[in-house]
C-alpha atoms as a PDB file:
ATOM      1  CA  MET A   1     114.954  96.407  91.965  1.00  0.00           C
ATOM      2  CA  SER A   2     115.283  97.124  95.638  1.00  0.00           C
ATOM      3  CA  ARG A   3     112.720  97.817  98.339  1.00  0.00           C
ATOM      4  CA  ALA A   4     113.115  99.471 101.695  1.00  0.00           C
ATOM      5  CA  LEU A   5     113.126  97.099 104.642  1.00  0.00           C
ATOM      6  CA  ASP A   6     110.283  98.954 106.355  1.00  0.00           C
ATOM      7  CA  SER A   7     107.921  98.074 103.485  1.00  0.00           C
ATOM      8  CA  LEU A   8     108.211  94.296 103.927  1.00  0.00           C
ATOM      9  CA  SER A   9     105.472  92.050 105.276  1.00  0.00           C
ATOM     10  CA  VAL A  10     105.999  89.371 107.931  1.00  0.00           C
ATOM     11  CA  ASP A  11     106.195  86.703 105.200  1.00  0.00           C
ATOM     12  CA  GLU A  12     108.881  88.673 103.381  1.00  0.00           C
ATOM     13  CA  VAL A  13     110.911  89.308 106.538  1.00  0.00           C
ATOM     14  CA  VAL A  14     110.793  85.602 107.360  1.00  0.00           C
ATOM     15  CA  LEU A  15     112.357  84.916 103.963  1.00  0.00           C
ATOM     16  CA  LEU A  16     115.239  87.221 104.853  1.00  0.00           C
ATOM     17  CA  LEU A  17     116.177  84.880 107.699  1.00  0.00           C
ATOM     18  CA  HIS A  18     117.247  82.212 105.201  1.00  0.00           C
ATOM     19  CA  PRO A  19     120.263  83.930 103.587  1.00  0.00           C
ATOM     20  CA  ILE A  20     121.723  84.556 107.052  1.00  0.00           C
ATOM     21  CA  GLY A  21     121.035  80.967 108.130  1.00  0.00           C
ATOM     22  CA  LEU A  22     118.526  81.798 110.856  1.00  0.00           C
ATOM     23  CA  GLN A  23     115.344  80.330 109.405  1.00  0.00           C
ATOM     24  CA  LYS A  24     114.850  78.452 112.697  1.00  0.00           C
ATOM     25  CA  TYR A  25     113.357  81.707 114.034  1.00  0.00           C
ATOM     26  CA  GLU A  26     110.563  81.841 111.453  1.00  0.00           C
ATOM     27  CA  GLY A  27     107.972  80.779 114.025  1.00  0.00           C
ATOM     28  CA  ILE A  28     109.068  83.423 116.509  1.00  0.00           C
ATOM     29  CA  PHE A  29     108.982  86.165 113.873  1.00  0.00           C
ATOM     30  CA  ARG A  30     105.505  85.067 112.754  1.00  0.00           C
ATOM     31  CA  GLU A  31     104.226  84.708 116.323  1.00  0.00           C
ATOM     32  CA  HIS A  32     105.318  88.258 117.121  1.00  0.00           C
ATOM     33  CA  SER A  33     104.316  89.677 113.709  1.00  0.00           C
ATOM     34  CA  ILE A  34     107.790  91.020 112.955  1.00  0.00           C
ATOM     35  CA  ASN A  35     107.476  92.887 109.672  1.00  0.00           C
ATOM     36  CA  GLY A  36     110.053  95.172 108.092  1.00  0.00           C
ATOM     37  CA  ASN A  37     108.952  98.200 110.050  1.00  0.00           C
ATOM     38  CA  SER A  38     109.079  96.474 113.443  1.00  0.00           C
ATOM     39  CA  GLY A  39     112.316  94.735 112.404  1.00  0.00           C
ATOM     40  CA  LEU A  40     113.947  98.130 112.080  1.00  0.00           C
ATOM     41  CA  GLU A  41     113.117  98.866 115.705  1.00  0.00           C
ATOM     42  CA  LEU A  42     114.433  95.592 117.163  1.00  0.00           C
ATOM     43  CA  ALA A  43     117.159  95.828 119.764  1.00  0.00           C
ATOM     44  CA  ASP A  44     119.139  93.052 121.419  1.00  0.00           C
ATOM     45  CA  GLU A  45     116.835  93.111 124.456  1.00  0.00           C
ATOM     46  CA  ASP A  46     113.782  92.709 122.213  1.00  0.00           C
ATOM     47  CA  LEU A  47     115.242  89.612 120.605  1.00  0.00           C
ATOM     48  CA  VAL A  48     115.955  88.107 124.026  1.00  0.00           C
ATOM     49  CA  GLU A  49     112.369  88.871 125.073  1.00  0.00           C
ATOM     50  CA  ILE A  50     110.853  87.084 122.072  1.00  0.00           C
ATOM     51  CA  GLY A  51     113.046  84.011 122.540  1.00  0.00           C
ATOM     52  CA  VAL A  52     116.289  84.446 120.586  1.00  0.00           C
ATOM     53  CA  THR A  53     118.583  83.273 123.367  1.00  0.00           C
ATOM     54  CA  SER A  54     121.841  82.901 121.445  1.00  0.00           C
ATOM     55  CA  LYS A  55     123.911  86.083 121.626  1.00  0.00           C
ATOM     56  CA  TYR A  56     125.580  85.107 118.334  1.00  0.00           C
ATOM     57  CA  HIS A  57     122.202  84.702 116.606  1.00  0.00           C
ATOM     58  CA  ARG A  58     120.972  88.036 117.959  1.00  0.00           C
ATOM     59  CA  LYS A  59     124.101  89.707 116.615  1.00  0.00           C
ATOM     60  CA  ARG A  60     123.593  88.089 113.186  1.00  0.00           C
ATOM     61  CA  LEU A  61     119.959  89.177 113.103  1.00  0.00           C
ATOM     62  CA  LEU A  62     120.746  92.756 114.072  1.00  0.00           C
ATOM     63  CA  ASN A  63     123.624  92.950 111.588  1.00  0.00           C
ATOM     64  CA  GLY A  64     121.379  91.498 108.877  1.00  0.00           C
ATOM     65  CA  PHE A  65     118.658  94.070 109.563  1.00  0.00           C
ATOM     66  CA  ALA A  66     121.275  96.855 109.560  1.00  0.00           C
ATOM     67  CA  LYS A  67     122.564  95.669 106.170  1.00  0.00           C
ATOM     68  CA  TYR A  68     119.048  95.534 104.705  1.00  0.00           C
ATOM     69  CA  ARG A  69     118.243  98.943 106.212  1.00  0.00           C
ATOM     70  CA  GLU A  70     121.299 100.504 104.520  1.00  0.00           C
ATOM     71  CA  ASN A  71     121.078  98.746 101.170  1.00  0.00           C
ATOM     72  CA  GLY A  72     117.414  97.872 100.810  1.00  0.00           C
ATOM     73  CA  VAL A  73     116.324  94.409  99.818  1.00  0.00           C
ATOM     74  CA  SER A  74     117.371  93.459  96.320  1.00  0.00           C
ATOM     75  CA  HIS A  75     114.730  90.999  95.233  1.00  0.00           C
ATOM     76  CA  LEU A  76     116.165  89.988  91.902  1.00  0.00           C
ATOM     77  CA  ALA A  77     119.624  89.266  93.288  1.00  0.00           C
ATOM     78  CA  ALA A  78     118.197  87.255  96.175  1.00  0.00           C
ATOM     79  CA  TYR A  79     115.910  85.307  93.860  1.00  0.00           C
ATOM     80  CA  LYS A  80     118.908  83.956  91.933  1.00  0.00           C
ATOM     81  CA  ASP A  81     119.773  81.861  94.991  1.00  0.00           C
ATOM     82  CA  PRO A  82     118.198  78.394  94.414  1.00  0.00           C
ATOM     83  CA  LYS A  83     117.662  77.861  98.154  1.00  0.00           C
ATOM     84  CA  LEU A  84     115.760  81.127  98.421  1.00  0.00           C
ATOM     85  CA  ARG A  85     113.700  80.332  95.310  1.00  0.00           C
ATOM     86  CA  ARG A  86     112.677  77.022  96.886  1.00  0.00           C
ATOM     87  CA  CYS A  87     111.916  78.809 100.160  1.00  0.00           C
ATOM     88  CA  VAL A  88     109.723  81.373  98.357  1.00  0.00           C
ATOM     89  CA  SER A  89     107.831  78.541  96.706  1.00  0.00           C
ATOM     90  CA  ASP A  90     107.362  76.744 100.030  1.00  0.00           C
ATOM     91  CA  HIS A  91     106.128  79.920 101.732  1.00  0.00           C
ATOM     92  CA  LYS A  92     103.700  80.711  98.936  1.00  0.00           C
ATOM     93  CA  GLN A  93     102.274  77.198  99.244  1.00  0.00           C
ATOM     94  CA  ALA A  94     102.025  77.459 103.046  1.00  0.00           C
ATOM     95  CA  ALA A  95     100.337  80.876 102.813  1.00  0.00           C
ATOM     96  CA  SER A  96      97.883  79.496 100.295  1.00  0.00           C
ATOM     97  CA  GLU A  97      97.081  76.533 102.546  1.00  0.00           C
ATOM     98  CA  ARG A  98      96.537  78.898 105.508  1.00  0.00           C
ATOM     99  CA  GLY A  99      94.240  81.017 103.368  1.00  0.00           C
ATOM    100  CA  ALA A 100      96.546  83.950 103.970  1.00  0.00           C
ATOM    101  CA  GLY A 101      97.342  86.562 101.401  1.00  0.00           C
ATOM    102  CA  TRP A 102     100.812  86.590  99.913  1.00  0.00           C
ATOM    103  CA  THR A 103     102.766  89.636  98.864  1.00  0.00           C
ATOM    104  CA  ALA A 104     105.296  88.309  96.396  1.00  0.00           C
ATOM    105  CA  LEU A 105     108.822  88.918  97.564  1.00  0.00           C
ATOM    106  CA  MET A 106     110.198  88.730  94.070  1.00  0.00           C
ATOM    107  CA  THR A 107     108.850  91.280  91.643  1.00  0.00           C
ATOM    108  CA  ALA A 108     109.972  91.739  88.095  1.00  0.00           C
END
């Protein structure tokens, strides 16, 4: 099953930072409410403006978004990754503790 990038919530987009090794930007993405739709519109200058100072990291983020835009987000394939499964669990717990709603990233 695959979903279009523009349909993802902020919580789901934050999870996509993990497979590309850029989870350190979770706070920035949450602070600026970067969801799938706004992620599609990000340009290098936007990433600099929100605090992603490393040119290499900006390139990885933009390439990652381009890949997800072309291929969609395959939830079942991503969920097979044990690190991502643990991350999903951690985010669900954090969302629950914040009293925030959670749109499950992995759907069967």
